């Protein structure tokens, strides 16, 4: 007998959002870790918001929504809010009931400055690290460091002289997207600046690569389970990687001996000397073809720990790969150093949470995306 194509909805329903989420869904494990970390931010949230007045959207829900955007590669807050309207999984994770009204996408823009001012993302990152430390997942002696380029949301046409050269510079007609002629016109960060994102810098990673407007993201990873313990974004320049690495090493607690693994780009005499002053053994890959030879000598390379560090340090690329494919930071949609730094830290926090959920065997051994 052929069934009817009609649909008749019940007048009442007793179904809960939790009933629609499969018991083995990977977000269940992640949801538990996120909620446990958010409990530690109650004191911070109480200081941010006034005790009286109209009730605002809970900051916990905003942070969960921002994490969902990272986990499922949602390209914008506008699209995220559109999907929350009909995606029960998203509603369950954020904490919205089936009949709760979905807020406007402009809520993120209005609250982003508040999150920046009070360093909420940084505090959330620290809380996740406390959870990892509580579960004995972190190494306190062995680390790796590396950096990656984050393409800025700015075009080469916006990279204009700082001396006030107006529209139409370079021979093209005036307009929003006018043509530019850079032939015979040298450009550098000293003389030029992007008009749409002044914090972006013209940078190229190697002699055979093209120069792009970019930022540099830096990560400090512990070597036991490959969790990110430090993340920061700096201006793109030739010294940013090493100075950021030293700054992140200074935040590692304890005066005991430590090791830090890195690629050939960190094999400079000043970086090696600065590491040794801090009591950190530099397990840096030897750059033997560089003029003057490698700054790493047999005192370091003869030990078995050096070879082990060179193997483990490559796991840091897993975070960069996940962040650029799933987290969508290959080219940031934010402008300004602070906003890009906030996005980078949140993405690295999300990468840590996914990795921790797998290791703790709270849920199934499969990742989001």
Protein backbone atom coordinates (compact mmCIF):
# COMPACT_ATOMS: atom_id res chain seq x y z
CA UNK A 1 0.00 0.00 0.00
CA UNK A 2 1.38 3.38 -0.99
CA UNK A 3 1.94 5.76 1.87
CA UNK A 4 0.54 9.27 1.96
CA UNK A 5 2.74 12.20 0.99
CA UNK A 6 1.10 14.48 3.51
CA UNK A 7 2.60 15.64 6.79
CA UNK A 8 0.69 16.27 9.96
CA UNK A 9 2.56 17.79 12.90
CA UNK A 10 1.60 17.01 16.46
CA UNK A 11 0.10 19.72 18.60
CA UNK A 12 2.55 18.98 21.39
CA UNK A 13 5.96 17.30 21.51
CA UNK A 14 8.01 15.99 24.42
CA UNK A 15 11.28 15.63 22.47
CA UNK A 16 14.41 17.31 23.84
CA UNK A 17 17.38 18.60 21.86
CA UNK A 18 19.59 16.00 23.50
CA UNK A 19 17.43 13.28 21.93
CA UNK A 20 18.43 14.41 18.43
CA UNK A 21 22.21 14.17 19.05
CA UNK A 22 23.57 10.63 18.56
CA UNK A 23 25.26 9.18 21.67
CA UNK A 24 28.49 8.59 19.71
CA UNK A 25 28.67 12.04 18.12
CA UNK A 26 32.15 13.60 18.59
CA UNK A 27 30.64 16.89 19.73
CA UNK A 28 29.45 15.23 22.94
CA UNK A 29 33.01 14.80 24.21
CA UNK A 30 33.95 18.28 23.05
CA UNK A 31 30.83 19.76 24.67
CA UNK A 32 31.83 18.38 28.06
CA UNK A 33 35.34 19.82 27.87
CA UNK A 34 34.10 23.24 26.74
CA UNK A 35 31.54 23.48 29.54
CA UNK A 36 34.13 22.45 32.14
CA UNK A 37 36.49 25.18 30.91
CA UNK A 38 33.72 27.81 30.87
CA UNK A 39 32.96 27.18 34.55
CA UNK A 40 36.37 28.63 35.37
CA UNK A 41 35.45 31.89 33.62
CA UNK A 42 32.45 32.72 35.81
CA UNK A 43 34.45 35.23 37.86
CA UNK A 44 35.69 37.00 34.74
CA UNK A 45 32.21 37.19 33.24
CA UNK A 46 30.82 38.64 36.47
CA UNK A 47 33.29 41.53 36.29
CA UNK A 48 32.56 42.24 32.62
CA UNK A 49 28.78 42.60 32.91
CA UNK A 50 26.83 44.92 35.19
CA UNK A 51 24.69 43.51 37.98
CA UNK A 52 21.63 45.50 36.88
CA UNK A 53 20.02 46.40 33.59
CA UNK A 54 18.72 44.38 30.68
CA UNK A 55 19.97 40.82 30.51
CA UNK A 56 22.42 40.28 27.67
CA UNK A 57 23.19 37.18 25.68
CA UNK A 58 25.20 34.83 27.87
CA UNK A 59 28.93 35.07 27.03
CA UNK A 60 29.17 31.29 27.37
CA UNK A 61 26.76 30.91 24.46
CA UNK A 62 28.74 33.39 22.39
CA UNK A 63 31.95 31.45 22.94
CA UNK A 64 30.25 28.15 22.08
CA UNK A 65 28.86 29.71 18.90
CA UNK A 66 32.34 30.96 17.96
CA UNK A 67 33.71 27.45 18.48
CA UNK A 68 30.98 25.96 16.30
CA UNK A 69 31.99 28.39 13.56
CA UNK A 70 35.55 27.03 13.77
CA UNK A 71 34.63 23.34 14.05
CA UNK A 72 32.34 23.37 11.00
CA UNK A 73 34.20 25.93 8.83
CA UNK A 74 31.32 28.41 8.75
CA UNK A 75 32.61 31.36 6.78
CA UNK A 76 30.75 34.19 8.56
CA UNK A 77 28.60 35.04 11.56
CA UNK A 78 25.70 35.79 9.25
CA UNK A 79 25.81 32.27 7.81
CA UNK A 80 26.31 30.83 11.29
CA UNK A 81 23.13 32.42 12.60
CA UNK A 82 21.25 31.25 9.51
CA UNK A 83 22.32 27.67 10.16
CA UNK A 84 21.52 27.87 13.88
CA UNK A 85 17.89 28.55 12.94
CA UNK A 86 17.43 25.03 11.55
CA UNK A 87 20.45 23.02 12.77
CA UNK A 88 19.45 21.23 15.98
CA UNK A 89 23.02 20.06 16.59
CA UNK A 90 24.25 23.66 16.62
CA UNK A 91 21.42 24.70 18.95
CA UNK A 92 22.22 21.87 21.36
CA UNK A 93 25.94 22.73 21.50
CA UNK A 94 25.37 26.48 21.93
CA UNK A 95 22.63 26.03 24.52
CA UNK A 96 19.58 27.32 22.64
CA UNK A 97 16.25 25.55 23.04
CA UNK A 98 14.19 24.60 19.99
CA UNK A 99 11.84 27.56 20.42
CA UNK A 100 14.52 30.08 21.51
CA UNK A 101 14.92 33.08 19.25
CA UNK A 102 18.21 33.20 17.35
CA UNK A 103 20.06 36.46 17.85
CA UNK A 104 21.18 38.73 15.03
CA UNK A 105 24.64 38.32 13.52
CA UNK A 106 25.56 41.86 14.59
CA UNK A 107 25.73 40.58 18.19
CA UNK A 108 29.20 39.21 17.44
CA UNK A 109 30.45 42.56 16.17
CA UNK A 110 29.06 44.38 19.20
CA UNK A 111 30.60 41.94 21.68
CA UNK A 112 33.95 41.38 19.96
CA UNK A 113 35.45 44.58 21.40
CA UNK A 114 34.31 43.52 24.88
CA UNK A 115 35.95 40.14 24.46
CA UNK A 116 39.14 41.83 23.27
CA UNK A 117 39.20 44.37 26.09
CA UNK A 118 38.92 41.73 28.79
CA UNK A 119 41.05 39.08 27.03
CA UNK A 120 38.25 36.50 27.24
CA UNK A 121 39.68 34.25 24.52
CA UNK A 122 43.09 34.24 26.22
CA UNK A 123 41.46 33.28 29.52
CA UNK A 124 39.47 30.52 27.81
CA UNK A 125 42.69 29.20 26.24
CA UNK A 126 44.32 29.17 29.70
CA UNK A 127 41.35 27.30 31.21
CA UNK A 128 41.60 24.60 28.53
CA UNK A 129 45.31 24.26 29.33
CA UNK A 130 44.47 23.87 33.03
CA UNK A 131 42.15 21.00 32.13
CA UNK A 132 44.95 19.37 30.13
CA UNK A 133 47.40 19.85 32.99
CA UNK A 134 44.90 18.43 35.47
CA UNK A 135 44.65 15.28 33.33
CA UNK A 136 48.46 14.96 33.07
CA UNK A 137 48.51 15.61 29.34
CA UNK A 138 51.19 18.33 29.28
CA UNK A 139 54.97 18.09 29.24
CA UNK A 140 56.71 20.79 31.28
CA UNK A 141 60.21 20.15 29.95
CA UNK A 142 60.07 19.56 26.19
CA UNK A 143 58.56 21.96 23.64
CA UNK A 144 58.51 22.81 19.94
CA UNK A 145 57.99 26.14 18.23
CA UNK A 146 57.10 27.21 14.71
CA UNK A 147 55.32 29.94 12.78
CA UNK A 148 53.05 30.25 9.77
CA UNK A 149 51.85 33.00 7.47
CA UNK A 150 48.26 34.21 7.68
CA UNK A 151 47.19 36.06 4.57
CA UNK A 152 45.58 39.39 5.39
CA UNK A 153 42.17 40.54 4.14
CA UNK A 154 43.76 43.25 1.99
CA UNK A 155 44.82 43.45 -1.64
CA UNK A 156 48.02 44.69 -3.22
CA UNK A 157 46.07 47.63 -4.64
CA UNK A 158 45.52 48.91 -1.11
CA UNK A 159 49.28 48.99 -0.46
CA UNK A 160 49.92 52.68 -1.11
CA UNK A 161 52.69 55.15 -0.18
CA UNK A 162 52.51 56.58 3.33
CA UNK A 163 53.20 60.11 2.08
CA UNK A 164 49.59 60.60 1.04
CA UNK A 165 49.68 59.45 -2.56
CA UNK A 166 45.94 59.46 -3.31
CA UNK A 167 43.61 57.51 -5.61
CA UNK A 168 44.82 57.02 -9.12
CA UNK A 169 48.46 56.57 -8.10
CA UNK A 170 50.41 54.49 -10.54
CA UNK A 171 48.75 55.81 -13.69
CA UNK A 172 45.28 54.29 -13.23
CA UNK A 173 41.98 56.13 -12.99
CA UNK A 174 40.55 57.06 -9.62
CA UNK A 175 38.00 54.71 -8.12
CA UNK A 176 37.37 51.95 -5.64
CA UNK A 177 39.20 49.28 -7.65
CA UNK A 178 41.42 51.29 -9.95
CA UNK A 179 44.29 49.83 -11.93
CA UNK A 180 47.83 50.05 -10.52
CA UNK A 181 51.13 50.13 -12.35
CA UNK A 182 54.01 49.19 -10.04
CA UNK A 183 56.66 48.77 -12.73
CA UNK A 184 59.77 50.63 -11.70
CA UNK A 185 58.20 51.66 -8.38
CA UNK A 186 59.88 49.93 -5.42
CA UNK A 187 57.55 49.14 -2.52
CA UNK A 188 58.44 48.30 1.06
CA UNK A 189 56.86 48.33 4.48
CA UNK A 190 58.93 51.40 5.36
CA UNK A 191 57.40 53.54 2.63
CA UNK A 192 54.03 51.89 1.95
CA UNK A 193 51.03 50.79 3.99
CA UNK A 194 47.75 49.07 3.29
CA UNK A 195 44.83 51.49 3.47
CA UNK A 196 42.33 48.73 4.32
CA UNK A 197 44.46 46.91 6.92
CA UNK A 198 47.34 49.08 8.18
CA UNK A 199 48.66 46.30 10.44
CA UNK A 200 49.30 43.93 7.53
CA UNK A 201 52.86 43.73 6.22
CA UNK A 202 54.22 42.85 2.79
CA UNK A 203 56.17 39.63 3.29
CA UNK A 204 57.37 36.60 1.38
CA UNK A 205 58.45 33.34 2.94
CA UNK A 206 61.24 32.54 0.47
CA UNK A 207 63.11 33.85 -2.52
CA UNK A 208 60.99 31.77 -4.91
CA UNK A 209 57.61 32.78 -3.45
CA UNK A 210 55.47 35.84 -4.10
CA UNK A 211 55.14 38.60 -1.53
CA UNK A 212 51.72 38.93 0.12
CA UNK A 213 50.15 41.13 2.74
CA UNK A 214 50.17 38.93 5.80
CA UNK A 215 50.52 38.37 9.53
CA UNK A 216 52.60 35.72 11.27
CA UNK A 217 51.03 33.21 13.64
CA UNK A 218 53.32 31.52 16.17
CA UNK A 219 52.73 28.39 18.24
CA UNK A 220 54.53 26.82 21.19
CA UNK A 221 53.69 23.11 21.48
CA UNK A 222 54.51 20.68 24.26
CA UNK A 223 56.04 17.45 23.00
CA UNK A 224 54.21 14.83 25.09
CA UNK A 225 50.82 14.92 23.36
CA UNK A 226 51.30 17.75 20.87
CA UNK A 227 49.04 20.32 22.56
CA UNK A 228 49.48 24.02 21.91
CA UNK A 229 50.53 25.82 25.11
CA UNK A 230 51.20 29.22 23.54
CA UNK A 231 49.84 31.08 20.52
CA UNK A 232 50.35 34.64 19.32
CA UNK A 233 50.12 36.69 16.13
CA UNK A 234 52.74 39.31 15.24
CA UNK A 235 53.57 41.59 12.34
CA UNK A 236 55.12 39.70 9.43
CA UNK A 237 58.85 40.36 9.34
CA UNK A 238 62.12 38.46 9.31
CA UNK A 239 62.55 38.53 13.08
CA UNK A 240 59.00 37.81 14.27
CA UNK A 241 59.38 34.04 14.58
CA UNK A 242 62.40 34.10 16.87
CA UNK A 243 61.26 36.99 19.06
CA UNK A 244 57.80 35.43 19.47
CA UNK A 245 59.37 32.08 20.36
CA UNK A 246 61.44 33.67 23.13
CA UNK A 247 58.41 35.56 24.44
CA UNK A 248 56.34 32.36 24.62
CA UNK A 249 59.18 30.46 26.30
CA UNK A 250 59.28 33.17 28.97
CA UNK A 251 55.68 32.34 29.88
CA UNK A 252 56.46 28.68 30.63
CA UNK A 253 56.52 28.32 34.43
CA UNK A 254 59.43 26.81 36.33
CA UNK A 255 63.17 27.40 36.46
CA UNK A 256 64.05 23.81 35.52
CA UNK A 257 65.89 22.87 32.33
CA UNK A 258 63.79 22.76 29.16
CA UNK A 259 64.27 21.95 25.49
CA UNK A 260 62.76 23.62 22.46
CA UNK A 261 62.74 22.10 18.98
CA UNK A 262 62.53 24.24 15.84
CA UNK A 263 63.30 24.21 12.14
CA UNK A 264 66.30 25.71 10.33
CA UNK A 265 64.82 29.19 10.33
CA UNK A 266 65.62 29.45 14.05
CA UNK A 267 69.27 28.45 13.61
CA UNK A 268 70.81 31.84 14.33
CA UNK A 269 73.50 32.65 16.88
CA UNK A 270 71.44 35.25 18.71
CA UNK A 271 68.44 32.89 19.14
CA UNK A 272 70.65 30.01 20.32
CA UNK A 273 72.39 32.30 22.81
CA UNK A 274 69.09 33.72 24.11
CA UNK A 275 67.73 30.20 24.64
CA UNK A 276 70.78 29.14 26.63
CA UNK A 277 70.51 32.26 28.81
CA UNK A 278 66.99 31.12 29.73
CA UNK A 279 68.12 27.63 30.62
CA UNK A 280 66.53 26.21 27.46
CA UNK A 281 68.45 23.72 25.33
CA UNK A 282 67.88 24.64 21.66
CA UNK A 283 67.05 21.48 19.69
CA UNK A 284 67.13 23.48 16.45
CA UNK A 285 67.63 21.84 13.07
CA UNK A 286 71.15 22.57 11.78
CA UNK A 287 71.33 24.97 8.86
CA UNK A 288 74.70 23.82 7.52
CA UNK A 289 74.41 25.60 4.16
CA UNK A 290 74.03 29.04 5.74
CA UNK A 291 76.99 31.42 5.55
CA UNK A 292 79.05 30.93 8.70
CA UNK A 293 77.65 27.47 9.38
CA UNK A 294 75.19 26.26 11.95
CA UNK A 295 75.00 27.80 15.43
CA UNK A 296 74.10 24.39 16.91
CA UNK A 297 77.16 22.33 17.83
CA UNK A 298 77.89 18.83 19.05
CA UNK A 299 76.98 19.69 22.63
CA UNK A 300 73.37 19.49 21.51
CA UNK A 301 73.24 17.24 18.44
CA UNK A 302 75.10 14.29 20.04
CA UNK A 303 72.25 13.46 22.41
CA UNK A 304 69.40 11.08 21.57
CA UNK A 305 66.91 13.68 22.82
CA UNK A 306 67.91 15.98 19.97
CA UNK A 307 66.94 13.39 17.35
CA UNK A 308 63.66 12.70 19.17
CA UNK A 309 62.82 16.41 19.25
CA UNK A 310 63.41 16.70 15.52
CA UNK A 311 60.80 14.00 14.93
CA UNK A 312 58.19 15.30 17.36
CA UNK A 313 58.42 18.97 16.33
CA UNK A 314 56.82 18.20 12.97
CA UNK A 315 53.52 17.50 14.73
CA UNK A 316 53.10 21.24 15.07
CA UNK A 317 52.23 21.28 11.37
CA UNK A 318 49.10 19.26 12.21
CA UNK A 319 47.74 22.26 14.10
CA UNK A 320 48.57 24.61 11.25
CA UNK A 321 47.02 22.28 8.70
CA UNK A 322 43.82 21.84 10.75
CA UNK A 323 43.59 25.57 11.40
CA UNK A 324 43.96 26.49 7.73
CA UNK A 325 41.59 23.88 6.31
CA UNK A 326 38.96 23.54 9.05
CA UNK A 327 39.51 26.73 11.02
CA UNK A 328 39.78 28.86 7.87
CA UNK A 329 42.73 31.00 8.93
CA UNK A 330 44.65 30.55 5.69
CA UNK A 331 43.30 34.01 4.89
CA UNK A 332 41.76 35.84 7.80
CA UNK A 333 38.56 37.81 7.34
CA UNK A 334 39.44 40.13 10.24
CA UNK A 335 41.49 43.30 10.08
CA UNK A 336 43.89 44.55 12.69
CA UNK A 337 46.51 42.74 14.73
CA UNK A 338 44.33 42.31 17.83
CA UNK A 339 41.38 40.79 16.00
CA UNK A 340 43.57 38.41 13.99
CA UNK A 341 45.35 37.40 17.19
CA UNK A 342 41.99 36.67 18.85
CA UNK A 343 40.90 34.51 15.92
CA UNK A 344 44.21 32.62 15.91
CA UNK A 345 44.08 31.88 19.65
CA UNK A 346 40.47 30.70 19.41
CA UNK A 347 41.34 28.40 16.49
CA UNK A 348 44.30 26.91 18.37
CA UNK A 349 42.05 26.42 21.42
CA UNK A 350 39.55 24.55 19.23
CA UNK A 351 42.35 22.40 17.82
CA UNK A 352 43.46 21.54 21.37
CA UNK A 353 39.93 20.63 22.44
CA UNK A 354 39.46 18.26 19.50
CA UNK A 355 42.79 16.60 20.23
CA UNK A 356 42.06 16.30 23.96
CA UNK A 357 38.65 14.75 23.32
CA UNK A 358 40.33 12.01 21.29
CA UNK A 359 43.10 11.34 23.79
CA UNK A 360 40.83 11.17 26.81
CA UNK A 361 38.66 8.54 25.09
CA UNK A 362 35.56 10.33 26.29
CA UNK A 363 33.99 9.94 22.89
CA UNK A 364 34.61 8.08 19.64
CA UNK A 365 37.95 8.24 17.89
CA UNK A 366 36.87 10.56 15.09
CA UNK A 367 37.18 14.28 14.71
CA UNK A 368 34.81 17.02 13.78
CA UNK A 369 35.02 17.59 10.01
